Structure formats: structure tokens, C-alpha cells
């Protein structure tokens, strides 16, 4: 479901289960916008990283036909990243609602260290 992003543009909220399925079947590319210290503590296996503090839409990885989905800790910074990408003319509007907190609550694996 798409709606107005509070940071500008449009946002589509995906559940951790939808993202996990997309990662497993190879149809999604997850971009985690948390900071290096957060990523060191835990991360979603297979996620690419581009911290919001130095976020440059031009540095986003090429999704190569996959759906690019943003994630963060709780779902706020991922919406900010989507808004910045959209202002740069990119079509990325999907984020994982609830971030890695919701991912863990859903029982999905994280990598540590």
C-alpha cells in the first residue's frame, strides 16, 4: 500500500515477512541506512549498506531488476532515504516497516559483529 511519505514523496510499507520472502527468492535488494556502529552490532543477512549520514542517491547499488527496499532500526530513517532518493528522480519508494526491530520480532535471523 502506497501513501504519502512524511518526509516527502510516496512510501510503500512492507512487512518483515514480505522482505524476507523477497530476499529469499531474489526479487528484492535491501539497503540498510543505519550507521556503522549499528551495523556492527547486528545486520540483516544479505543487506547492502549506505548510512543515512552520508546518503547519496547516486551511490545506491544497482538493483539489477530487483525491487530496492530501504531498512533501518525502526522505519523512520528508511522513509527519509526513500524521500531523498525520490527527490533525486529515483523510483524507490519501498521500505521495511518497523526496521530491524520488527525483523527480529518476526523471528528472522540477524548477523552479529
PDB file of N, CA and C in Angstrom:
ATOM      1  N   UNK A   1       0.834  -1.172   0.000  1.00  0.00           N
ATOM      2  CA  UNK A   1       0.000   0.000   0.000  1.00  0.00           C
ATOM      3  C   UNK A   1       0.883   1.242   0.000  1.00  0.00           C
ATOM      4  N   UNK A   2       0.674   2.126  -0.947  1.00  0.00           N
ATOM      5  CA  UNK A   2       1.439   3.366  -1.036  1.00  0.00           C
ATOM      6  C   UNK A   2       0.667   4.494  -0.373  1.00  0.00           C
ATOM      7  N   UNK A   3       1.417   5.376   0.257  1.00  0.00           N
ATOM      8  CA  UNK A   3       0.822   6.556   0.870  1.00  0.00           C
ATOM      9  C   UNK A   3       1.826   7.685   0.828  1.00  0.00           C
ATOM     10  N   UNK A   4       1.429   8.836   1.280  1.00  0.00           N
ATOM     11  CA  UNK A   4       2.302   9.995   1.320  1.00  0.00           C
ATOM     12  C   UNK A   4       3.396   9.755   2.363  1.00  0.00           C
ATOM     13  N   UNK A   5       4.639   9.942   1.976  1.00  0.00           N
ATOM     14  CA  UNK A   5       5.773   9.798   2.886  1.00  0.00           C
ATOM     15  C   UNK A   5       5.844  11.063   3.744  1.00  0.00           C
ATOM     16  N   UNK A   6       5.942  10.949   5.071  1.00  0.00           N
ATOM     17  CA  UNK A   6       6.032  12.155   5.895  1.00  0.00           C
ATOM     18  C   UNK A   6       7.264  13.001   5.581  1.00  0.00           C
ATOM     19  N   UNK A   7       8.242  12.433   4.899  1.00  0.00           N
ATOM     20  CA  UNK A   7       9.463  13.154   4.540  1.00  0.00           C
ATOM     21  C   UNK A   7       9.435  13.646   3.094  1.00  0.00           C
ATOM     22  N   UNK A   8       8.313  13.435   2.398  1.00  0.00           N
ATOM     23  CA  UNK A   8       8.163  13.848   1.010  1.00  0.00           C
ATOM     24  C   UNK A   8       8.075  12.661   0.083  1.00  0.00           C
ATOM     25  N   UNK A   9       7.301  12.783  -0.970  1.00  0.00           N
ATOM     26  CA  UNK A   9       7.157  11.705  -1.939  1.00  0.00           C
ATOM     27  C   UNK A   9       6.150  10.661  -1.487  1.00  0.00           C
ATOM     28  N   UNK A  10       6.323   9.469  -1.983  1.00  0.00           N
ATOM     29  CA  UNK A  10       5.424   8.356  -1.711  1.00  0.00           C
ATOM     30  C   UNK A  10       6.200   7.262  -0.994  1.00  0.00           C
ATOM     31  N   UNK A  11       5.515   6.542  -0.126  1.00  0.00           N
ATOM     32  CA  UNK A  11       6.166   5.438   0.578  1.00  0.00           C
ATOM     33  C   UNK A  11       5.249   4.221   0.552  1.00  0.00           C
ATOM     34  N   UNK A  12       5.851   3.067   0.364  1.00  0.00           N
ATOM     35  CA  UNK A  12       5.132   1.796   0.460  1.00  0.00           C
ATOM     36  C   UNK A  12       5.735   1.022   1.614  1.00  0.00           C
ATOM     37  N   UNK A  13       4.883   0.623   2.553  1.00  0.00           N
ATOM     38  CA  UNK A  13       5.323  -0.101   3.745  1.00  0.00           C
ATOM     39  C   UNK A  13       5.273  -1.600   3.476  1.00  0.00           C
ATOM     40  N   UNK A  14       6.392  -2.266   3.655  1.00  0.00           N
ATOM     41  CA  UNK A  14       6.451  -3.722   3.511  1.00  0.00           C
ATOM     42  C   UNK A  14       6.701  -4.337   4.882  1.00  0.00           C
ATOM     43  N   UNK A  15       6.095  -5.471   5.125  1.00  0.00           N
ATOM     44  CA  UNK A  15       6.313  -6.173   6.389  1.00  0.00           C
ATOM     45  C   UNK A  15       7.651  -6.914   6.334  1.00  0.00           C
ATOM     46  N   UNK A  16       8.212  -7.229   7.502  1.00  0.00           N
ATOM     47  CA  UNK A  16       9.422  -8.044   7.506  1.00  0.00           C
ATOM     48  C   UNK A  16       9.223  -9.367   6.755  1.00  0.00           C
ATOM     49  N   UNK A  17       8.055  -9.972   6.863  1.00  0.00           N
ATOM     50  CA  UNK A  17       7.796 -11.233   6.155  1.00  0.00           C
ATOM     51  C   UNK A  17       7.858 -11.045   4.643  1.00  0.00           C
ATOM     52  N   UNK A  18       7.326  -9.928   4.145  1.00  0.00           N
ATOM     53  CA  UNK A  18       7.391  -9.662   2.703  1.00  0.00           C
ATOM     54  C   UNK A  18       8.837  -9.471   2.263  1.00  0.00           C
ATOM     55  N   UNK A  19       9.612  -8.754   3.074  1.00  0.00           N
ATOM     56  CA  UNK A  19      11.017  -8.510   2.734  1.00  0.00           C
ATOM     57  C   UNK A  19      11.811  -9.809   2.813  1.00  0.00           C
ATOM     58  N   UNK A  20      11.583 -10.605   3.840  1.00  0.00           N
ATOM     59  CA  UNK A  20      12.295 -11.874   3.973  1.00  0.00           C
ATOM     60  C   UNK A  20      12.027 -12.761   2.759  1.00  0.00           C
ATOM     61  N   UNK A  21      10.776 -12.810   2.335  1.00  0.00           N
ATOM     62  CA  UNK A  21      10.416 -13.606   1.153  1.00  0.00           C
ATOM     63  C   UNK A  21      11.130 -13.072  -0.090  1.00  0.00           C
ATOM     64  N   UNK A  22      11.145 -11.736  -0.253  1.00  0.00           N
ATOM     65  CA  UNK A  22      11.812 -11.135  -1.407  1.00  0.00           C
ATOM     66  C   UNK A  22      13.305 -11.367  -1.421  1.00  0.00           C
ATOM     67  N   UNK A  23      13.928 -11.353  -0.246  1.00  0.00           N
ATOM     68  CA  UNK A  23      15.363 -11.657  -0.169  1.00  0.00           C
ATOM     69  C   UNK A  23      15.604 -13.122  -0.493  1.00  0.00           C
ATOM     70  N   UNK A  24      14.754 -13.986   0.047  1.00  0.00           N
ATOM     71  CA  UNK A  24      14.924 -15.426  -0.172  1.00  0.00           C
ATOM     72  C   UNK A  24      14.735 -15.820  -1.630  1.00  0.00           C
ATOM     73  N   UNK A  25      13.771 -15.193  -2.306  1.00  0.00           N
ATOM     74  CA  UNK A  25      13.525 -15.577  -3.706  1.00  0.00           C
ATOM     75  C   UNK A  25      14.294 -14.711  -4.710  1.00  0.00           C
ATOM     76  N   UNK A  26      15.111 -13.776  -4.193  1.00  0.00           N
ATOM     77  CA  UNK A  26      15.976 -12.986  -5.059  1.00  0.00           C
ATOM     78  C   UNK A  26      15.293 -11.863  -5.810  1.00  0.00           C
ATOM     79  N   UNK A  27      14.099 -11.442  -5.357  1.00  0.00           N
ATOM     80  CA  UNK A  27      13.388 -10.374  -6.061  1.00  0.00           C
ATOM     81  C   UNK A  27      13.588  -9.006  -5.419  1.00  0.00           C
ATOM     82  N   UNK A  28      14.271  -8.952  -4.261  1.00  0.00           N
ATOM     83  CA  UNK A  28      14.485  -7.683  -3.555  1.00  0.00           C
ATOM     84  C   UNK A  28      15.950  -7.482  -3.226  1.00  0.00           C
ATOM     85  N   UNK A  29      16.330  -6.199  -3.215  1.00  0.00           N
ATOM     86  CA  UNK A  29      17.645  -5.771  -2.735  1.00  0.00           C
ATOM     87  C   UNK A  29      17.376  -4.870  -1.542  1.00  0.00           C
ATOM     88  N   UNK A  30      17.849  -5.253  -0.384  1.00  0.00           N
ATOM     89  CA  UNK A  30      17.633  -4.491   0.838  1.00  0.00           C
ATOM     90  C   UNK A  30      18.817  -3.566   1.070  1.00  0.00           C
ATOM     91  N   UNK A  31      18.536  -2.277   1.292  1.00  0.00           N
ATOM     92  CA  UNK A  31      19.577  -1.288   1.577  1.00  0.00           C
ATOM     93  C   UNK A  31      19.333  -0.754   2.985  1.00  0.00           C
ATOM     94  N   UNK A  32      20.258  -1.066   3.880  1.00  0.00           N
ATOM     95  CA  UNK A  32      20.178  -0.663   5.284  1.00  0.00           C
ATOM     96  C   UNK A  32      20.851   0.695   5.428  1.00  0.00           C
ATOM     97  N   UNK A  33      20.132   1.687   5.960  1.00  0.00           N
ATOM     98  CA  UNK A  33      20.662   3.043   6.070  1.00  0.00           C
ATOM     99  C   UNK A  33      21.104   3.384   7.499  1.00  0.00           C
ATOM    100  N   UNK A  34      21.268   2.360   8.345  1.00  0.00           N
ATOM    101  CA  UNK A  34      21.764   2.620   9.699  1.00  0.00           C
ATOM    102  C   UNK A  34      23.261   2.948   9.661  1.00  0.00           C
ATOM    103  N   UNK A  35      23.760   3.429  10.779  1.00  0.00           N
ATOM    104  CA  UNK A  35      25.150   3.859  10.889  1.00  0.00           C
ATOM    105  C   UNK A  35      26.082   2.678  11.174  1.00  0.00           C
ATOM    106  N   UNK A  36      27.397   2.829  10.900  1.00  0.00           N
ATOM    107  CA  UNK A  36      28.339   1.718  11.051  1.00  0.00           C
ATOM    108  C   UNK A  36      28.307   1.035  12.418  1.00  0.00           C
ATOM    109  N   UNK A  37      28.189   1.802  13.511  1.00  0.00           N
ATOM    110  CA  UNK A  37      28.163   1.173  14.836  1.00  0.00           C
ATOM    111  C   UNK A  37      26.916   0.295  14.998  1.00  0.00           C
ATOM    112  N   UNK A  38      25.802   0.709  14.424  1.00  0.00           N
ATOM    113  CA  UNK A  38      24.583  -0.102  14.484  1.00  0.00           C
ATOM    114  C   UNK A  38      24.738  -1.368  13.642  1.00  0.00           C
ATOM    115  N   UNK A  39      25.345  -1.209  12.480  1.00  0.00           N
ATOM    116  CA  UNK A  39      25.548  -2.345  11.591  1.00  0.00           C
ATOM    117  C   UNK A  39      26.500  -3.367  12.200  1.00  0.00           C
ATOM    118  N   UNK A  40      27.487  -2.873  12.933  1.00  0.00           N
ATOM    119  CA  UNK A  40      28.427  -3.783  13.584  1.00  0.00           C
ATOM    120  C   UNK A  40      27.718  -4.634  14.644  1.00  0.00           C
ATOM    121  N   UNK A  41      26.756  -4.041  15.329  1.00  0.00           N
ATOM    122  CA  UNK A  41      26.034  -4.757  16.380  1.00  0.00           C
ATOM    123  C   UNK A  41      25.162  -5.869  15.799  1.00  0.00           C
ATOM    124  N   UNK A  42      24.466  -5.572  14.705  1.00  0.00           N
ATOM    125  CA  UNK A  42      23.618  -6.571  14.054  1.00  0.00           C
ATOM    126  C   UNK A  42      23.192  -6.065  12.692  1.00  0.00           C
ATOM    127  N   UNK A  43      22.986  -7.017  11.784  1.00  0.00           N
ATOM    128  CA  UNK A  43      22.534  -6.661  10.442  1.00  0.00           C
ATOM    129  C   UNK A  43      21.749  -7.810   9.846  1.00  0.00           C
ATOM    130  N   UNK A  44      20.935  -7.463   8.870  1.00  0.00           N
ATOM    131  CA  UNK A  44      20.140  -8.462   8.165  1.00  0.00           C
ATOM    132  C   UNK A  44      21.032  -9.104   7.109  1.00  0.00           C
ATOM    133  N   UNK A  45      21.145 -10.431   7.111  1.00  0.00           N
ATOM    134  CA  UNK A  45      21.999 -11.104   6.130  1.00  0.00           C
ATOM    135  C   UNK A  45      21.630 -10.706   4.691  1.00  0.00           C
ATOM    136  N   UNK A  46      22.650 -10.350   3.937  1.00  0.00           N
ATOM    137  CA  UNK A  46      22.456 -10.014   2.532  1.00  0.00           C
ATOM    138  C   UNK A  46      22.134  -8.566   2.255  1.00  0.00           C
ATOM    139  N   UNK A  47      21.897  -7.769   3.293  1.00  0.00           N
ATOM    140  CA  UNK A  47      21.572  -6.356   3.079  1.00  0.00           C
ATOM    141  C   UNK A  47      22.815  -5.579   2.648  1.00  0.00           C
ATOM    142  N   UNK A  48      22.617  -4.650   1.726  1.00  0.00           N
ATOM    143  CA  UNK A  48      23.659  -3.696   1.363  1.00  0.00           C
ATOM    144  C   UNK A  48      23.578  -2.552   2.361  1.00  0.00           C
ATOM    145  N   UNK A  49      24.634  -1.781   2.513  1.00  0.00           N
ATOM    146  CA  UNK A  49      24.610  -0.686   3.474  1.00  0.00           C
ATOM    147  C   UNK A  49      24.969   0.644   2.820  1.00  0.00           C
ATOM    148  N   UNK A  50      24.256   1.678   3.242  1.00  0.00           N
ATOM    149  CA  UNK A  50      24.534   3.053   2.829  1.00  0.00           C
ATOM    150  C   UNK A  50      23.985   3.955   3.927  1.00  0.00           C
ATOM    151  N   UNK A  51      24.827   4.283   4.944  1.00  0.00           N
ATOM    152  CA  UNK A  51      24.359   5.049   6.093  1.00  0.00           C
ATOM    153  C   UNK A  51      23.703   6.373   5.701  1.00  0.00           C
ATOM    154  N   UNK A  52      22.624   6.699   6.374  1.00  0.00           N
ATOM    155  CA  UNK A  52      21.876   7.912   6.068  1.00  0.00           C
ATOM    156  C   UNK A  52      22.726   9.162   6.280  1.00  0.00           C
ATOM    157  N   UNK A  53      23.682   9.122   7.218  1.00  0.00           N
ATOM    158  CA  UNK A  53      24.517  10.293   7.490  1.00  0.00           C
ATOM    159  C   UNK A  53      25.359  10.703   6.284  1.00  0.00           C
ATOM    160  N   UNK A  54      25.615   9.773   5.400  1.00  0.00           N
ATOM    161  CA  UNK A  54      26.361  10.113   4.178  1.00  0.00           C
ATOM    162  C   UNK A  54      25.623   9.593   2.942  1.00  0.00           C
ATOM    163  N   UNK A  55      24.312   9.611   3.034  1.00  0.00           N
ATOM    164  CA  UNK A  55      23.466   9.074   1.976  1.00  0.00           C
ATOM    165  C   UNK A  55      23.551   9.920   0.716  1.00  0.00           C
ATOM    166  N   UNK A  56      23.888   9.271  -0.379  1.00  0.00           N
ATOM    167  CA  UNK A  56      23.937   9.899  -1.696  1.00  0.00           C
ATOM    168  C   UNK A  56      23.188   8.968  -2.638  1.00  0.00           C
ATOM    169  N   UNK A  57      22.054   9.415  -3.172  1.00  0.00           N
ATOM    170  CA  UNK A  57      21.289   8.534  -4.054  1.00  0.00           C
ATOM    171  C   UNK A  57      22.114   7.971  -5.209  1.00  0.00           C
ATOM    172  N   UNK A  58      23.115   8.728  -5.663  1.00  0.00           N
ATOM    173  CA  UNK A  58      23.959   8.250  -6.765  1.00  0.00           C
ATOM    174  C   UNK A  58      24.805   7.049  -6.343  1.00  0.00           C
ATOM    175  N   UNK A  59      24.989   6.861  -5.036  1.00  0.00           N
ATOM    176  CA  UNK A  59      25.800   5.745  -4.535  1.00  0.00           C
ATOM    177  C   UNK A  59      24.974   4.488  -4.270  1.00  0.00           C
ATOM    178  N   UNK A  60      23.670   4.555  -4.499  1.00  0.00           N
ATOM    179  CA  UNK A  60      22.840   3.368  -4.289  1.00  0.00           C
ATOM    180  C   UNK A  60      23.269   2.255  -5.243  1.00  0.00           C
ATOM    181  N   UNK A  61      23.274   1.030  -4.763  1.00  0.00           N
ATOM    182  CA  UNK A  61      23.631  -0.080  -5.651  1.00  0.00           C
ATOM    183  C   UNK A  61      22.576  -0.261  -6.735  1.00  0.00           C
ATOM    184  N   UNK A  62      23.006  -0.730  -7.886  1.00  0.00           N
ATOM    185  CA  UNK A  62      22.090  -1.030  -8.979  1.00  0.00           C
ATOM    186  C   UNK A  62      21.287  -2.266  -8.582  1.00  0.00           C
ATOM    187  N   UNK A  63      19.964  -2.156  -8.496  1.00  0.00           N
ATOM    188  CA  UNK A  63      19.183  -3.321  -8.078  1.00  0.00           C
ATOM    189  C   UNK A  63      19.069  -4.409  -9.155  1.00  0.00           C
ATOM    190  N   UNK A  64      19.528  -4.127 -10.363  1.00  0.00           N
ATOM    191  CA  UNK A  64      19.559  -5.122 -11.444  1.00  0.00           C
ATOM    192  C   UNK A  64      18.221  -5.854 -11.596  1.00  0.00           C
ATOM    193  N   UNK A  65      17.151  -5.069 -11.693  1.00  0.00           N
ATOM    194  CA  UNK A  65      15.827  -5.640 -11.909  1.00  0.00           C
ATOM    195  C   UNK A  65      15.092  -6.051 -10.652  1.00  0.00           C
ATOM    196  N   UNK A  66      15.770  -5.981  -9.519  1.00  0.00           N
ATOM    197  CA  UNK A  66      15.118  -6.319  -8.248  1.00  0.00           C
ATOM    198  C   UNK A  66      14.425  -5.075  -7.689  1.00  0.00           C
ATOM    199  N   UNK A  67      13.552  -5.276  -6.737  1.00  0.00           N
ATOM    200  CA  UNK A  67      12.914  -4.171  -6.026  1.00  0.00           C
ATOM    201  C   UNK A  67      13.873  -3.695  -4.940  1.00  0.00           C
ATOM    202  N   UNK A  68      14.221  -2.415  -4.957  1.00  0.00           N
ATOM    203  CA  UNK A  68      15.093  -1.857  -3.936  1.00  0.00           C
ATOM    204  C   UNK A  68      14.227  -1.429  -2.758  1.00  0.00           C
ATOM    205  N   UNK A  69      14.565  -1.925  -1.570  1.00  0.00           N
ATOM    206  CA  UNK A  69      13.808  -1.670  -0.354  1.00  0.00           C
ATOM    207  C   UNK A  69      14.774  -1.128   0.698  1.00  0.00           C
ATOM    208  N   UNK A  70      14.380  -0.050   1.366  1.00  0.00           N
ATOM    209  CA  UNK A  70      15.202   0.527   2.423  1.00  0.00           C
ATOM    210  C   UNK A  70      14.820  -0.047   3.775  1.00  0.00           C
ATOM    211  N   UNK A  71      15.815  -0.137   4.675  1.00  0.00           N
ATOM    212  CA  UNK A  71      15.543  -0.532   6.056  1.00  0.00           C
ATOM    213  C   UNK A  71      16.438   0.272   6.988  1.00  0.00           C
ATOM    214  N   UNK A  72      16.044   0.290   8.262  1.00  0.00           N
ATOM    215  CA  UNK A  72      16.821   0.977   9.291  1.00  0.00           C
ATOM    216  C   UNK A  72      16.526   0.306  10.621  1.00  0.00           C
ATOM    217  N   UNK A  73      16.573   1.035  11.707  1.00  0.00           N
ATOM    218  CA  UNK A  73      16.313   0.451  13.022  1.00  0.00           C
ATOM    219  C   UNK A  73      14.820   0.275  13.271  1.00  0.00           C
ATOM    220  N   UNK A  74      14.042   1.355  13.015  1.00  0.00           N
ATOM    221  CA  UNK A  74      12.621   1.309  13.379  1.00  0.00           C
ATOM    222  C   UNK A  74      11.674   1.694  12.248  1.00  0.00           C
ATOM    223  N   UNK A  75      12.209   2.176  11.133  1.00  0.00           N
ATOM    224  CA  UNK A  75      11.358   2.528  10.000  1.00  0.00           C
ATOM    225  C   UNK A  75      11.279   4.006   9.687  1.00  0.00           C
ATOM    226  N   UNK A  76      11.958   4.848  10.452  1.00  0.00           N
ATOM    227  CA  UNK A  76      11.930   6.286  10.188  1.00  0.00           C
ATOM    228  C   UNK A  76      12.996   6.699   9.168  1.00  0.00           C
ATOM    229  N   UNK A  77      14.250   6.309   9.413  1.00  0.00           N
ATOM    230  CA  UNK A  77      15.330   6.700   8.501  1.00  0.00           C
ATOM    231  C   UNK A  77      15.153   6.075   7.124  1.00  0.00           C
ATOM    232  N   UNK A  78      14.552   4.888   7.073  1.00  0.00           N
ATOM    233  CA  UNK A  78      14.325   4.262   5.765  1.00  0.00           C
ATOM    234  C   UNK A  78      13.341   5.082   4.942  1.00  0.00           C
ATOM    235  N   UNK A  79      12.360   5.690   5.604  1.00  0.00           N
ATOM    236  CA  UNK A  79      11.429   6.571   4.894  1.00  0.00           C
ATOM    237  C   UNK A  79      12.138   7.846   4.432  1.00  0.00           C
ATOM    238  N   UNK A  80      13.054   8.356   5.251  1.00  0.00           N
ATOM    239  CA  UNK A  80      13.840   9.525   4.851  1.00  0.00           C
ATOM    240  C   UNK A  80      14.678   9.208   3.622  1.00  0.00           C
ATOM    241  N   UNK A  81      15.315   8.049   3.611  1.00  0.00           N
ATOM    242  CA  UNK A  81      16.146   7.645   2.474  1.00  0.00           C
ATOM    243  C   UNK A  81      15.308   7.551   1.198  1.00  0.00           C
ATOM    244  N   UNK A  82      14.117   6.983   1.303  1.00  0.00           N
ATOM    245  CA  UNK A  82      13.238   6.880   0.138  1.00  0.00           C
ATOM    246  C   UNK A  82      12.877   8.268  -0.381  1.00  0.00           C
ATOM    247  N   UNK A  83      12.603   9.207   0.533  1.00  0.00           N
ATOM    248  CA  UNK A  83      12.258  10.571   0.116  1.00  0.00           C
ATOM    249  C   UNK A  83      13.429  11.244  -0.591  1.00  0.00           C
ATOM    250  N   UNK A  84      14.638  11.072  -0.064  1.00  0.00           N
ATOM    251  CA  UNK A  84      15.825  11.661  -0.695  1.00  0.00           C
ATOM    252  C   UNK A  84      16.033  11.049  -2.084  1.00  0.00           C
ATOM    253  N   UNK A  85      15.889   9.744  -2.192  1.00  0.00           N
ATOM    254  CA  UNK A  85      16.052   9.073  -3.489  1.00  0.00           C
ATOM    255  C   UNK A  85      15.018   9.574  -4.490  1.00  0.00           C
ATOM    256  N   UNK A  86      13.788   9.745  -4.046  1.00  0.00           N
ATOM    257  CA  UNK A  86      12.740  10.228  -4.942  1.00  0.00           C
ATOM    258  C   UNK A  86      13.008  11.663  -5.387  1.00  0.00           C
ATOM    259  N   UNK A  87      13.505  12.505  -4.484  1.00  0.00           N
ATOM    260  CA  UNK A  87      13.839  13.883  -4.869  1.00  0.00           C
ATOM    261  C   UNK A  87      14.959  13.902  -5.907  1.00  0.00           C
ATOM    262  N   UNK A  88      15.789  12.862  -5.913  1.00  0.00           N
ATOM    263  CA  UNK A  88      16.867  12.754  -6.902  1.00  0.00           C
ATOM    264  C   UNK A  88      16.376  12.118  -8.210  1.00  0.00           C
ATOM    265  N   UNK A  89      15.071  11.841  -8.279  1.00  0.00           N
ATOM    266  CA  UNK A  89      14.499  11.301  -9.510  1.00  0.00           C
ATOM    267  C   UNK A  89      14.477   9.790  -9.591  1.00  0.00           C
ATOM    268  N   UNK A  90      14.795   9.110  -8.497  1.00  0.00           N
ATOM    269  CA  UNK A  90      14.799   7.646  -8.498  1.00  0.00           C
ATOM    270  C   UNK A  90      13.429   7.117  -8.065  1.00  0.00           C
ATOM    271  N   UNK A  91      13.037   5.947  -8.557  1.00  0.00           N
ATOM    272  CA  UNK A  91      11.687   5.444  -8.312  1.00  0.00           C
ATOM    273  C   UNK A  91      11.522   4.627  -7.026  1.00  0.00           C
ATOM    274  N   UNK A  92      12.429   4.740  -6.075  1.00  0.00           N
ATOM    275  CA  UNK A  92      12.424   3.867  -4.908  1.00  0.00           C
ATOM    276  C   UNK A  92      11.499   4.409  -3.821  1.00  0.00           C
ATOM    277  N   UNK A  93      10.472   3.648  -3.503  1.00  0.00           N
ATOM    278  CA  UNK A  93       9.508   4.095  -2.504  1.00  0.00           C
ATOM    279  C   UNK A  93       9.199   3.039  -1.451  1.00  0.00           C
ATOM    280  N   UNK A  94       9.868   1.903  -1.501  1.00  0.00           N
ATOM    281  CA  UNK A  94       9.543   0.835  -0.560  1.00  0.00           C
ATOM    282  C   UNK A  94      10.512   0.816   0.623  1.00  0.00           C
ATOM    283  N   UNK A  95       9.937   0.570   1.801  1.00  0.00           N
ATOM    284  CA  UNK A  95      10.764   0.407   2.996  1.00  0.00           C
ATOM    285  C   UNK A  95      10.150  -0.671   3.859  1.00  0.00           C
ATOM    286  N   UNK A  96      10.991  -1.228   4.745  1.00  0.00           N
ATOM    287  CA  UNK A  96      10.517  -2.255   5.657  1.00  0.00           C
ATOM    288  C   UNK A  96       9.997  -1.577   6.917  1.00  0.00           C
ATOM    289  N   UNK A  97       8.719  -1.687   7.123  1.00  0.00           N
ATOM    290  CA  UNK A  97       8.079  -1.075   8.274  1.00  0.00           C
ATOM    291  C   UNK A  97       8.564  -1.721   9.568  1.00  0.00           C
ATOM    292  N   UNK A  98       8.950  -0.881  10.513  1.00  0.00           N
ATOM    293  CA  UNK A  98       9.423  -1.384  11.804  1.00  0.00           C
ATOM    294  C   UNK A  98      10.902  -1.695  11.854  1.00  0.00           C
ATOM    295  N   UNK A  99      11.584  -1.646  10.710  1.00  0.00           N
ATOM    296  CA  UNK A  99      13.024  -1.845  10.650  1.00  0.00           C
ATOM    297  C   UNK A  99      13.501  -3.172  11.222  1.00  0.00           C
ATOM    298  N   UNK A 100      14.772  -3.161  11.639  1.00  0.00           N
ATOM    299  CA  UNK A 100      15.371  -4.400  12.140  1.00  0.00           C
ATOM    300  C   UNK A 100      14.732  -4.836  13.461  1.00  0.00           C
ATOM    301  N   UNK A 101      14.121  -3.892  14.169  1.00  0.00           N
ATOM    302  CA  UNK A 101      13.406  -4.265  15.397  1.00  0.00           C
ATOM    303  C   UNK A 101      12.265  -5.218  15.039  1.00  0.00           C
ATOM    304  N   UNK A 102      11.464  -4.845  14.040  1.00  0.00           N
ATOM    305  CA  UNK A 102      10.346  -5.697  13.616  1.00  0.00           C
ATOM    306  C   UNK A 102      10.854  -6.997  12.994  1.00  0.00           C
ATOM    307  N   UNK A 103      11.982  -6.916  12.292  1.00  0.00           N
ATOM    308  CA  UNK A 103      12.586  -8.115  11.683  1.00  0.00           C
ATOM    309  C   UNK A 103      12.893  -9.150  12.761  1.00  0.00           C
ATOM    310  N   UNK A 104      13.574  -8.685  13.832  1.00  0.00           N
ATOM    311  CA  UNK A 104      13.899  -9.582  14.937  1.00  0.00           C
ATOM    312  C   UNK A 104      12.638 -10.101  15.620  1.00  0.00           C
ATOM    313  N   UNK A 105      11.657  -9.220  15.841  1.00  0.00           N
ATOM    314  CA  UNK A 105      10.406  -9.631  16.488  1.00  0.00           C
ATOM    315  C   UNK A 105       9.670 -10.691  15.667  1.00  0.00           C
ATOM    316  N   UNK A 106       9.859 -10.661  14.348  1.00  0.00           N
ATOM    317  CA  UNK A 106       9.238 -11.657  13.472  1.00  0.00           C
ATOM    318  C   UNK A 106       9.986 -12.992  13.527  1.00  0.00           C
ATOM    319  N   UNK A 107      11.134 -13.002  14.199  1.00  0.00           N
ATOM    320  CA  UNK A 107      11.887 -14.248  14.357  1.00  0.00           C
ATOM    321  C   UNK A 107      12.906 -14.521  13.268  1.00  0.00           C
ATOM    322  N   UNK A 108      13.216 -13.520  12.436  1.00  0.00           N
ATOM    323  CA  UNK A 108      14.177 -13.722  11.364  1.00  0.00           C
ATOM    324  C   UNK A 108      15.604 -13.508  11.869  1.00  0.00           C
ATOM    325  N   UNK A 109      16.541 -14.185  11.215  1.00  0.00           N
ATOM    326  CA  UNK A 109      17.943 -14.160  11.623  1.00  0.00           C
ATOM    327  C   UNK A 109      18.597 -12.804  11.391  1.00  0.00           C
ATOM    328  N   UNK A 110      19.572 -12.500  12.265  1.00  0.00           N
ATOM    329  CA  UNK A 110      20.465 -11.355  12.080  1.00  0.00           C
ATOM    330  C   UNK A 110      21.894 -11.857  12.216  1.00  0.00           C
ATOM    331  N   UNK A 111      22.805 -11.125  11.595  1.00  0.00           N
ATOM    332  CA  UNK A 111      24.241 -11.393  11.760  1.00  0.00           C
ATOM    333  C   UNK A 111      24.759 -10.414  12.813  1.00  0.00           C
ATOM    334  N   UNK A 112      25.679 -10.862  13.622  1.00  0.00           N
ATOM    335  CA  UNK A 112      26.251 -10.003  14.651  1.00  0.00           C
ATOM    336  C   UNK A 112      27.759  -9.882  14.445  1.00  0.00           C
ATOM    337  N   UNK A 113      28.260  -8.647  14.777  1.00  0.00           N
ATOM    338  CA  UNK A 113      29.691  -8.407  14.714  1.00  0.00           C
ATOM    339  C   UNK A 113      30.150  -8.280  13.360  1.00  0.00           C
TER     340      UNK A 113
END
